[in-house]
Structures are given as C-alpha cells and as structure tokens.
C-alpha cells in the first residue's frame, strides 16, 4: 500500500501538501491602501484603452474609405480603362 502511494505521488496522481506557490506569506501579503491609489496602473489602463479606441476609429475610417473606393470602381463602366 505504501509503495503504491509513493508511486502515485511520484506521478502526481495523489494531491500532496500545498506548494509554496499557493501559500501566503506575511511578508508579501498586505492590506490594500486605498488612500494612495496606484496611479501608474490607472494611467496605464486608461492610456491603453484610449490607444485601442484610437486604433479602432482609424481602422474604421480606412475600411470606409476602401469600401467607397471599391463601390465607385464597381460603378465605373468605361471600356477604355479596361
């Protein structure tokens, strides 16, 4: 029986004790301080959002211009151009 459990632990079939990655340390875990927000994180979040919106509007305008160009190209029936 003991040999079977050792083999199962070796192959990670039986859960062992908690690993150090999932435990909290008193030196690392601290209560959040809401008096001093993380302004770097706030600025990074808002600037990323603004950049993505700007990219979205730019891409939309380019798509509309391409649509209009192709629409005019379809309506152009000149035989001398082809």
PDB file of N, CA and C in Angstrom:
ATOM      1  N   UNK A   1       0.825  -1.193   0.000  1.00  0.00           N
ATOM      2  CA  UNK A   1       0.000   0.000   0.000  1.00  0.00           C
ATOM      3  C   UNK A   1       0.872   1.260   0.000  1.00  0.00           C
ATOM      4  N   UNK A   2       1.900   1.284   0.840  1.00  0.00           N
ATOM      5  CA  UNK A   2       2.769   2.452   0.928  1.00  0.00           C
ATOM      6  C   UNK A   2       3.536   2.659  -0.371  1.00  0.00           C
ATOM      7  N   UNK A   3       3.930   1.565  -0.975  1.00  0.00           N
ATOM      8  CA  UNK A   3       4.656   1.670  -2.243  1.00  0.00           C
ATOM      9  C   UNK A   3       3.742   2.230  -3.330  1.00  0.00           C
ATOM     10  N   UNK A   4       2.476   1.846  -3.298  1.00  0.00           N
ATOM     11  CA  UNK A   4       1.525   2.352  -4.287  1.00  0.00           C
ATOM     12  C   UNK A   4       1.309   3.859  -4.109  1.00  0.00           C
ATOM     13  N   UNK A   5       1.231   4.325  -2.876  1.00  0.00           N
ATOM     14  CA  UNK A   5       1.056   5.760  -2.631  1.00  0.00           C
ATOM     15  C   UNK A   5       2.296   6.542  -3.046  1.00  0.00           C
ATOM     16  N   UNK A   6       3.482   5.991  -2.786  1.00  0.00           N
ATOM     17  CA  UNK A   6       4.701   6.669  -3.221  1.00  0.00           C
ATOM     18  C   UNK A   6       4.731   6.784  -4.741  1.00  0.00           C
ATOM     19  N   UNK A   7       4.324   5.727  -5.410  1.00  0.00           N
ATOM     20  CA  UNK A   7       4.290   5.759  -6.874  1.00  0.00           C
ATOM     21  C   UNK A   7       3.249   6.748  -7.384  1.00  0.00           C
ATOM     22  N   UNK A   8       2.097   6.801  -6.703  1.00  0.00           N
ATOM     23  CA  UNK A   8       1.039   7.731  -7.118  1.00  0.00           C
ATOM     24  C   UNK A   8       1.479   9.177  -6.902  1.00  0.00           C
ATOM     25  N   UNK A   9       2.187   9.440  -5.786  1.00  0.00           N
ATOM     26  CA  UNK A   9       2.678  10.800  -5.553  1.00  0.00           C
ATOM     27  C   UNK A   9       3.746  11.169  -6.568  1.00  0.00           C
ATOM     28  N   UNK A  10       4.545  10.172  -6.923  1.00  0.00           N
ATOM     29  CA  UNK A  10       5.584  10.429  -7.917  1.00  0.00           C
ATOM     30  C   UNK A  10       4.964  10.829  -9.247  1.00  0.00           C
ATOM     31  N   UNK A  11       3.874  10.228  -9.599  1.00  0.00           N
ATOM     32  CA  UNK A  11       3.210  10.538 -10.875  1.00  0.00           C
ATOM     33  C   UNK A  11       2.146  11.613 -10.717  1.00  0.00           C
ATOM     34  N   UNK A  12       2.068  12.260  -9.541  1.00  0.00           N
ATOM     35  CA  UNK A  12       1.130  13.361  -9.243  1.00  0.00           C
ATOM     36  C   UNK A  12      -0.335  12.925  -9.346  1.00  0.00           C
ATOM     37  N   UNK A  13      -0.599  11.685  -8.990  1.00  0.00           N
ATOM     38  CA  UNK A  13      -1.976  11.217  -9.006  1.00  0.00           C
ATOM     39  C   UNK A  13      -2.680  11.513  -7.688  1.00  0.00           C
ATOM     40  N   UNK A  14      -1.908  11.674  -6.616  1.00  0.00           N
ATOM     41  CA  UNK A  14      -2.466  11.990  -5.311  1.00  0.00           C
ATOM     42  C   UNK A  14      -1.979  13.380  -4.941  1.00  0.00           C
ATOM     43  N   UNK A  15      -2.900  14.232  -4.511  1.00  0.00           N
ATOM     44  CA  UNK A  15      -2.519  15.606  -4.163  1.00  0.00           C
ATOM     45  C   UNK A  15      -1.665  15.605  -2.917  1.00  0.00           C
ATOM     46  N   UNK A  16      -0.575  16.321  -2.975  1.00  0.00           N
ATOM     47  CA  UNK A  16       0.304  16.442  -1.812  1.00  0.00           C
ATOM     48  C   UNK A  16      -0.092  17.656  -1.005  1.00  0.00           C
ATOM     49  N   UNK A  17       0.784  18.101  -0.160  1.00  0.00           N
ATOM     50  CA  UNK A  17       0.534  19.302   0.628  1.00  0.00           C
ATOM     51  C   UNK A  17       0.588  20.529  -0.253  1.00  0.00           C
ATOM     52  N   UNK A  18       0.210  21.669   0.278  1.00  0.00           N
ATOM     53  CA  UNK A  18       0.228  22.887  -0.550  1.00  0.00           C
ATOM     54  C   UNK A  18       1.657  23.258  -0.936  1.00  0.00           C
ATOM     55  N   UNK A  19       1.821  23.648  -2.158  1.00  0.00           N
ATOM     56  CA  UNK A  19       3.147  24.063  -2.600  1.00  0.00           C
ATOM     57  C   UNK A  19       3.370  25.514  -2.187  1.00  0.00           C
ATOM     58  N   UNK A  20       4.596  25.950  -2.258  1.00  0.00           N
ATOM     59  CA  UNK A  20       4.917  27.313  -1.836  1.00  0.00           C
ATOM     60  C   UNK A  20       4.319  28.357  -2.753  1.00  0.00           C
ATOM     61  N   UNK A  21       3.969  27.996  -3.987  1.00  0.00           N
ATOM     62  CA  UNK A  21       3.413  28.971  -4.922  1.00  0.00           C
ATOM     63  C   UNK A  21       2.010  29.396  -4.512  1.00  0.00           C
ATOM     64  N   UNK A  22       1.310  28.563  -3.767  1.00  0.00           N
ATOM     65  CA  UNK A  22      -0.078  28.868  -3.434  1.00  0.00           C
ATOM     66  C   UNK A  22      -0.268  29.254  -1.973  1.00  0.00           C
ATOM     67  N   UNK A  23       0.802  29.466  -1.239  1.00  0.00           N
ATOM     68  CA  UNK A  23       0.678  29.875   0.155  1.00  0.00           C
ATOM     69  C   UNK A  23       0.938  31.365   0.274  1.00  0.00           C
ATOM     70  N   UNK A  24       0.346  31.977   1.280  1.00  0.00           N
ATOM     71  CA  UNK A  24       0.543  33.410   1.509  1.00  0.00           C
ATOM     72  C   UNK A  24       1.592  33.600   2.584  1.00  0.00           C
ATOM     73  N   UNK A  25       2.443  34.550   2.364  1.00  0.00           N
ATOM     74  CA  UNK A  25       3.469  34.877   3.337  1.00  0.00           C
ATOM     75  C   UNK A  25       3.104  36.203   3.986  1.00  0.00           C
ATOM     76  N   UNK A  26       3.373  36.322   5.262  1.00  0.00           N
ATOM     77  CA  UNK A  26       3.088  37.570   5.971  1.00  0.00           C
ATOM     78  C   UNK A  26       3.958  38.704   5.457  1.00  0.00           C
ATOM     79  N   UNK A  27       5.088  38.379   4.836  1.00  0.00           N
ATOM     80  CA  UNK A  27       5.986  39.397   4.335  1.00  0.00           C
ATOM     81  C   UNK A  27       5.552  39.903   2.956  1.00  0.00           C
ATOM     82  N   UNK A  28       4.714  39.152   2.266  1.00  0.00           N
ATOM     83  CA  UNK A  28       4.283  39.535   0.924  1.00  0.00           C
ATOM     84  C   UNK A  28       2.846  40.048   0.941  1.00  0.00           C
ATOM     85  N   UNK A  29       1.978  39.372   1.654  1.00  0.00           N
ATOM     86  CA  UNK A  29       0.562  39.745   1.677  1.00  0.00           C
ATOM     87  C   UNK A  29       0.376  40.969   2.564  1.00  0.00           C
ATOM     88  N   UNK A  30      -0.310  41.974   2.034  1.00  0.00           N
ATOM     89  CA  UNK A  30      -0.592  43.166   2.824  1.00  0.00           C
ATOM     90  C   UNK A  30      -1.962  43.692   2.423  1.00  0.00           C
ATOM     91  N   UNK A  31      -2.535  44.449   3.306  1.00  0.00           N
ATOM     92  CA  UNK A  31      -3.843  45.022   3.021  1.00  0.00           C
ATOM     93  C   UNK A  31      -3.697  46.142   2.005  1.00  0.00           C
ATOM     94  N   UNK A  32      -4.633  46.250   1.060  1.00  0.00           N
ATOM     95  CA  UNK A  32      -4.512  47.343   0.081  1.00  0.00           C
ATOM     96  C   UNK A  32      -4.724  48.698   0.745  1.00  0.00           C
ATOM     97  N   UNK A  33      -3.959  49.679   0.323  1.00  0.00           N
ATOM     98  CA  UNK A  33      -4.062  51.029   0.850  1.00  0.00           C
ATOM     99  C   UNK A  33      -4.867  51.859  -0.153  1.00  0.00           C
ATOM    100  N   UNK A  34      -6.115  52.154   0.185  1.00  0.00           N
ATOM    101  CA  UNK A  34      -6.986  52.887  -0.730  1.00  0.00           C
ATOM    102  C   UNK A  34      -6.753  54.400  -0.664  1.00  0.00           C
ATOM    103  N   UNK A  35      -5.936  54.856   0.284  1.00  0.00           N
ATOM    104  CA  UNK A  35      -5.614  56.284   0.367  1.00  0.00           C
ATOM    105  C   UNK A  35      -4.623  56.697  -0.709  1.00  0.00           C
ATOM    106  N   UNK A  36      -3.795  55.769  -1.173  1.00  0.00           N
ATOM    107  CA  UNK A  36      -2.812  56.047  -2.218  1.00  0.00           C
ATOM    108  C   UNK A  36      -3.018  55.070  -3.373  1.00  0.00           C
ATOM    109  N   UNK A  37      -3.856  55.446  -4.343  1.00  0.00           N
ATOM    110  CA  UNK A  37      -4.087  54.537  -5.470  1.00  0.00           C
ATOM    111  C   UNK A  37      -2.824  54.364  -6.308  1.00  0.00           C
ATOM    112  N   UNK A  38      -2.777  53.293  -7.048  1.00  0.00           N
ATOM    113  CA  UNK A  38      -1.654  53.004  -7.929  1.00  0.00           C
ATOM    114  C   UNK A  38      -1.854  53.813  -9.211  1.00  0.00           C
ATOM    115  N   UNK A  39      -1.315  55.039  -9.222  1.00  0.00           N
ATOM    116  CA  UNK A  39      -1.553  55.941 -10.349  1.00  0.00           C
ATOM    117  C   UNK A  39      -0.887  55.447 -11.617  1.00  0.00           C
ATOM    118  N   UNK A  40       0.213  54.739 -11.489  1.00  0.00           N
ATOM    119  CA  UNK A  40       0.850  54.174 -12.677  1.00  0.00           C
ATOM    120  C   UNK A  40      -0.077  53.156 -13.338  1.00  0.00           C
ATOM    121  N   UNK A  41      -0.672  52.294 -12.546  1.00  0.00           N
ATOM    122  CA  UNK A  41      -1.593  51.292 -13.082  1.00  0.00           C
ATOM    123  C   UNK A  41      -2.846  51.926 -13.674  1.00  0.00           C
ATOM    124  N   UNK A  42      -3.357  52.962 -13.009  1.00  0.00           N
ATOM    125  CA  UNK A  42      -4.539  53.666 -13.511  1.00  0.00           C
ATOM    126  C   UNK A  42      -4.232  54.336 -14.847  1.00  0.00           C
ATOM    127  N   UNK A  43      -3.090  55.026 -14.907  1.00  0.00           N
ATOM    128  CA  UNK A  43      -2.693  55.695 -16.150  1.00  0.00           C
ATOM    129  C   UNK A  43      -2.446  54.700 -17.267  1.00  0.00           C
ATOM    130  N   UNK A  44      -1.825  53.580 -16.938  1.00  0.00           N
ATOM    131  CA  UNK A  44      -1.568  52.551 -17.945  1.00  0.00           C
ATOM    132  C   UNK A  44      -2.876  51.981 -18.488  1.00  0.00           C
ATOM    133  N   UNK A  45      -3.833  51.753 -17.621  1.00  0.00           N
ATOM    134  CA  UNK A  45      -5.121  51.207 -18.056  1.00  0.00           C
ATOM    135  C   UNK A  45      -5.862  52.189 -18.964  1.00  0.00           C
ATOM    136  N   UNK A  46      -5.922  53.461 -18.556  1.00  0.00           N
ATOM    137  CA  UNK A  46      -6.638  54.450 -19.363  1.00  0.00           C
ATOM    138  C   UNK A  46      -5.922  54.744 -20.681  1.00  0.00           C
ATOM    139  N   UNK A  47      -4.594  54.809 -20.659  1.00  0.00           N
ATOM    140  CA  UNK A  47      -3.878  55.081 -21.907  1.00  0.00           C
ATOM    141  C   UNK A  47      -3.988  53.911 -22.873  1.00  0.00           C
ATOM    142  N   UNK A  48      -3.980  52.699 -22.364  1.00  0.00           N
ATOM    143  CA  UNK A  48      -4.167  51.529 -23.224  1.00  0.00           C
ATOM    144  C   UNK A  48      -5.549  51.543 -23.846  1.00  0.00           C
ATOM    145  N   UNK A  49      -6.553  51.872 -23.043  1.00  0.00           N
ATOM    146  CA  UNK A  49      -7.917  51.939 -23.551  1.00  0.00           C
ATOM    147  C   UNK A  49      -8.055  53.020 -24.622  1.00  0.00           C
ATOM    148  N   UNK A  50      -7.466  54.181 -24.366  1.00  0.00           N
ATOM    149  CA  UNK A  50      -7.539  55.273 -25.345  1.00  0.00           C
ATOM    150  C   UNK A  50      -6.818  54.902 -26.638  1.00  0.00           C
ATOM    151  N   UNK A  51      -5.668  54.240 -26.527  1.00  0.00           N
ATOM    152  CA  UNK A  51      -4.928  53.830 -27.721  1.00  0.00           C
ATOM    153  C   UNK A  51      -5.716  52.814 -28.534  1.00  0.00           C
ATOM    154  N   UNK A  52      -6.377  51.890 -27.865  1.00  0.00           N
ATOM    155  CA  UNK A  52      -7.185  50.892 -28.582  1.00  0.00           C
ATOM    156  C   UNK A  52      -8.386  51.537 -29.280  1.00  0.00           C
ATOM    157  N   UNK A  53      -9.022  52.517 -28.620  1.00  0.00           N
ATOM    158  CA  UNK A  53     -10.138  53.216 -29.256  1.00  0.00           C
ATOM    159  C   UNK A  53      -9.658  54.007 -30.470  1.00  0.00           C
ATOM    160  N   UNK A  54      -8.500  54.672 -30.346  1.00  0.00           N
ATOM    161  CA  UNK A  54      -7.958  55.431 -31.482  1.00  0.00           C
ATOM    162  C   UNK A  54      -7.650  54.502 -32.651  1.00  0.00           C
ATOM    163  N   UNK A  55      -7.077  53.350 -32.361  1.00  0.00           N
ATOM    164  CA  UNK A  55      -6.787  52.367 -33.402  1.00  0.00           C
ATOM    165  C   UNK A  55      -8.071  51.869 -34.054  1.00  0.00           C
ATOM    166  N   UNK A  56      -9.111  51.676 -33.249  1.00  0.00           N
ATOM    167  CA  UNK A  56     -10.400  51.226 -33.772  1.00  0.00           C
ATOM    168  C   UNK A  56     -10.996  52.259 -34.723  1.00  0.00           C
ATOM    169  N   UNK A  57     -10.990  53.550 -34.336  1.00  0.00           N
ATOM    170  CA  UNK A  57     -11.537  54.604 -35.205  1.00  0.00           C
ATOM    171  C   UNK A  57     -10.715  54.751 -36.485  1.00  0.00           C
ATOM    172  N   UNK A  58      -9.396  54.664 -36.369  1.00  0.00           N
ATOM    173  CA  UNK A  58      -8.522  54.764 -37.541  1.00  0.00           C
ATOM    174  C   UNK A  58      -8.810  53.621 -38.510  1.00  0.00           C
ATOM    175  N   UNK A  59      -8.909  52.406 -37.993  1.00  0.00           N
ATOM    176  CA  UNK A  59      -9.180  51.250 -38.848  1.00  0.00           C
ATOM    177  C   UNK A  59     -10.561  51.361 -39.481  1.00  0.00           C
ATOM    178  N   UNK A  60     -11.541  51.857 -38.728  1.00  0.00           N
ATOM    179  CA  UNK A  60     -12.890  52.020 -39.272  1.00  0.00           C
ATOM    180  C   UNK A  60     -12.893  53.012 -40.428  1.00  0.00           C
ATOM    181  N   UNK A  61     -12.196  54.142 -40.259  1.00  0.00           N
ATOM    182  CA  UNK A  61     -12.142  55.142 -41.327  1.00  0.00           C
ATOM    183  C   UNK A  61     -11.454  54.591 -42.567  1.00  0.00           C
ATOM    184  N   UNK A  62     -10.384  53.824 -42.379  1.00  0.00           N
ATOM    185  CA  UNK A  62      -9.715  53.210 -43.526  1.00  0.00           C
ATOM    186  C   UNK A  62     -10.630  52.207 -44.228  1.00  0.00           C
ATOM    187  N   UNK A  63     -11.393  51.451 -43.464  1.00  0.00           N
ATOM    188  CA  UNK A  63     -12.323  50.482 -44.059  1.00  0.00           C
ATOM    189  C   UNK A  63     -13.425  51.179 -44.845  1.00  0.00           C
ATOM    190  N   UNK A  64     -13.939  52.295 -44.317  1.00  0.00           N
ATOM    191  CA  UNK A  64     -14.980  53.041 -45.015  1.00  0.00           C
ATOM    192  C   UNK A  64     -14.440  53.618 -46.313  1.00  0.00           C
ATOM    193  N   UNK A  65     -13.204  54.154 -46.276  1.00  0.00           N
ATOM    194  CA  UNK A  65     -12.610  54.701 -47.497  1.00  0.00           C
ATOM    195  C   UNK A  65     -12.397  53.603 -48.545  1.00  0.00           C
ATOM    196  N   UNK A  66     -11.956  52.429 -48.125  1.00  0.00           N
ATOM    197  CA  UNK A  66     -11.766  51.310 -49.057  1.00  0.00           C
ATOM    198  C   UNK A  66     -13.106  50.849 -49.632  1.00  0.00           C
ATOM    199  N   UNK A  67     -14.146  50.845 -48.791  1.00  0.00           N
ATOM    200  CA  UNK A  67     -15.486  50.476 -49.266  1.00  0.00           C
ATOM    201  C   UNK A  67     -15.971  51.458 -50.334  1.00  0.00           C
ATOM    202  N   UNK A  68     -15.793  52.745 -50.075  1.00  0.00           N
ATOM    203  CA  UNK A  68     -16.226  53.758 -51.038  1.00  0.00           C
ATOM    204  C   UNK A  68     -15.430  53.647 -52.347  1.00  0.00           C
ATOM    205  N   UNK A  69     -14.114  53.387 -52.248  1.00  0.00           N
ATOM    206  CA  UNK A  69     -13.288  53.245 -53.446  1.00  0.00           C
ATOM    207  C   UNK A  69     -13.748  52.056 -54.281  1.00  0.00           C
ATOM    208  N   UNK A  70     -14.011  50.936 -53.645  1.00  0.00           N
ATOM    209  CA  UNK A  70     -14.461  49.746 -54.384  1.00  0.00           C
ATOM    210  C   UNK A  70     -15.866  49.937 -54.949  1.00  0.00           C
ATOM    211  N   UNK A  71     -16.695  50.687 -54.215  1.00  0.00           N
ATOM    212  CA  UNK A  71     -18.053  50.950 -54.684  1.00  0.00           C
ATOM    213  C   UNK A  71     -18.007  51.786 -55.965  1.00  0.00           C
ATOM    214  N   UNK A  72     -17.142  52.804 -55.986  1.00  0.00           N
ATOM    215  CA  UNK A  72     -17.013  53.624 -57.201  1.00  0.00           C
ATOM    216  C   UNK A  72     -16.383  52.825 -58.331  1.00  0.00           C
ATOM    217  N   UNK A  73     -15.478  51.943 -58.004  1.00  0.00           N
ATOM    218  CA  UNK A  73     -14.825  51.119 -59.012  1.00  0.00           C
ATOM    219  C   UNK A  73     -15.842  50.199 -59.692  1.00  0.00           C
ATOM    220  N   UNK A  74     -16.791  49.695 -58.927  1.00  0.00           N
ATOM    221  CA  UNK A  74     -17.841  48.823 -59.484  1.00  0.00           C
ATOM    222  C   UNK A  74     -18.774  49.593 -60.399  1.00  0.00           C
ATOM    223  N   UNK A  75     -19.020  50.880 -60.087  1.00  0.00           N
ATOM    224  CA  UNK A  75     -19.949  51.673 -60.879  1.00  0.00           C
ATOM    225  C   UNK A  75     -19.307  52.213 -62.154  1.00  0.00           C
ATOM    226  N   UNK A  76     -18.003  52.211 -62.209  1.00  0.00           N
ATOM    227  CA  UNK A  76     -17.277  52.719 -63.369  1.00  0.00           C
ATOM    228  C   UNK A  76     -17.346  51.688 -64.488  1.00  0.00           C
ATOM    229  N   UNK A  77     -18.031  52.033 -65.612  1.00  0.00           N
ATOM    230  CA  UNK A  77     -18.238  51.079 -66.700  1.00  0.00           C
ATOM    231  C   UNK A  77     -17.515  51.516 -67.971  1.00  0.00           C
ATOM    232  N   UNK A  78     -16.435  52.204 -67.866  1.00  0.00           N
ATOM    233  CA  UNK A  78     -15.718  52.699 -69.041  1.00  0.00           C
ATOM    234  C   UNK A  78     -14.966  51.543 -69.714  1.00  0.00           C
ATOM    235  N   UNK A  79     -15.101  51.405 -71.021  1.00  0.00           N
ATOM    236  CA  UNK A  79     -14.425  50.323 -71.728  1.00  0.00           C
ATOM    237  C   UNK A  79     -13.002  50.700 -72.092  1.00  0.00           C
ATOM    238  N   UNK A  80     -12.669  51.987 -72.123  1.00  0.00           N
ATOM    239  CA  UNK A  80     -11.308  52.384 -72.483  1.00  0.00           C
ATOM    240  C   UNK A  80     -10.337  52.156 -71.322  1.00  0.00           C
ATOM    241  N   UNK A  81     -10.845  52.080 -70.095  1.00  0.00           N
ATOM    242  CA  UNK A  81      -9.971  51.881 -68.935  1.00  0.00           C
ATOM    243  C   UNK A  81      -9.571  50.424 -68.774  1.00  0.00           C
ATOM    244  N   UNK A  82     -10.398  49.502 -69.245  1.00  0.00           N
ATOM    245  CA  UNK A  82     -10.109  48.088 -69.002  1.00  0.00           C
ATOM    246  C   UNK A  82      -9.113  47.535 -69.914  1.00  0.00           C
TER     247      UNK A  82
END
